[in-house]
Amino acid sequence: MLIQVKPPADRAGAAPARPPRPPRLCVRSARVRARARRTPPPVTAAA
């Protein structure tokens, strides 16, 4: 896996096209962002 002298074109083309799904923390951040957008005041952050 450490041999990255010649990255295959298949992987290079698939990586940017379909990046690996990040951990579930991304879902939490998305929900927090949605709540922050719905309620501009930082009251949701405290609650």
C-alpha atoms as a PDB file:
ATOM      1  CA  MET A   1       0.000   0.000   0.000  1.00  0.00           C
ATOM      2  CA  LEU A   2       2.986   2.282   0.574  1.00  0.00           C
ATOM      3  CA  ILE A   3       4.039   1.904  -3.065  1.00  0.00           C
ATOM      4  CA  GLN A   4       2.346   4.962  -4.548  1.00  0.00           C
ATOM      5  CA  VAL A   5       4.892   5.659  -7.282  1.00  0.00           C
ATOM      6  CA  LYS A   6       2.314   5.106 -10.076  1.00  0.00           C
ATOM      7  CA  PRO A   7      -1.251   5.627  -8.824  1.00  0.00           C
ATOM      8  CA  PRO A   8      -3.575   3.627 -11.106  1.00  0.00           C
ATOM      9  CA  ALA A   9      -5.764   5.796 -13.330  1.00  0.00           C
ATOM     10  CA  ASP A  10      -8.846   3.864 -12.182  1.00  0.00           C
ATOM     11  CA  ARG A  11      -8.337   4.786  -8.537  1.00  0.00           C
ATOM     12  CA  ALA A  12      -7.251   8.331  -9.353  1.00  0.00           C
ATOM     13  CA  GLY A  13     -10.423   8.839 -11.415  1.00  0.00           C
ATOM     14  CA  ALA A  14     -12.726   7.184  -8.888  1.00  0.00           C
ATOM     15  CA  ALA A  15     -11.334   8.942  -5.799  1.00  0.00           C
ATOM     16  CA  PRO A  16     -12.337  12.506  -6.781  1.00  0.00           C
ATOM     17  CA  ALA A  17     -15.534  11.328  -8.464  1.00  0.00           C
ATOM     18  CA  ARG A  18     -16.752   9.345  -5.397  1.00  0.00           C
ATOM     19  CA  PRO A  19     -14.825  10.325  -2.247  1.00  0.00           C
ATOM     20  CA  PRO A  20     -15.100   7.797   0.620  1.00  0.00           C
ATOM     21  CA  ARG A  21     -17.962   8.561   3.007  1.00  0.00           C
ATOM     22  CA  PRO A  22     -16.565  10.262   6.137  1.00  0.00           C
ATOM     23  CA  PRO A  23     -17.408   8.937   9.629  1.00  0.00           C
ATOM     24  CA  ARG A  24     -20.938   9.383  11.020  1.00  0.00           C
ATOM     25  CA  LEU A  25     -19.735  12.549  12.752  1.00  0.00           C
ATOM     26  CA  CYS A  26     -20.409  14.215   9.406  1.00  0.00           C
ATOM     27  CA  VAL A  27     -24.124  13.433   9.828  1.00  0.00           C
ATOM     28  CA  ARG A  28     -24.061  15.050  13.270  1.00  0.00           C
ATOM     29  CA  SER A  29     -22.338  18.155  11.922  1.00  0.00           C
ATOM     30  CA  ALA A  30     -24.908  18.308   9.108  1.00  0.00           C
ATOM     31  CA  ARG A  31     -27.773  18.217  11.630  1.00  0.00           C
ATOM     32  CA  VAL A  32     -26.081  20.850  13.782  1.00  0.00           C
ATOM     33  CA  ARG A  33     -25.612  23.065  10.730  1.00  0.00           C
ATOM     34  CA  ALA A  34     -29.271  22.600   9.763  1.00  0.00           C
ATOM     35  CA  ARG A  35     -30.370  23.608  13.270  1.00  0.00           C
ATOM     36  CA  ALA A  36     -28.015  26.592  13.251  1.00  0.00           C
ATOM     37  CA  ARG A  37     -29.458  27.711   9.909  1.00  0.00           C
ATOM     38  CA  ARG A  38     -33.041  27.372  11.160  1.00  0.00           C
ATOM     39  CA  THR A  39     -32.261  29.295  14.349  1.00  0.00           C
ATOM     40  CA  PRO A  40     -29.677  32.053  13.760  1.00  0.00           C
ATOM     41  CA  PRO A  41     -29.267  32.772  17.536  1.00  0.00           C
ATOM     42  CA  PRO A  42     -26.726  30.529  19.330  1.00  0.00           C
ATOM     43  CA  VAL A  43     -29.489  29.258  21.638  1.00  0.00           C
ATOM     44  CA  THR A  44     -29.421  25.860  19.847  1.00  0.00           C
ATOM     45  CA  ALA A  45     -25.667  25.622  20.443  1.00  0.00           C
ATOM     46  CA  ALA A  46     -26.170  26.035  24.212  1.00  0.00           C
ATOM     47  CA  ALA A  47     -29.113  23.625  24.225  1.00  0.00           C
END
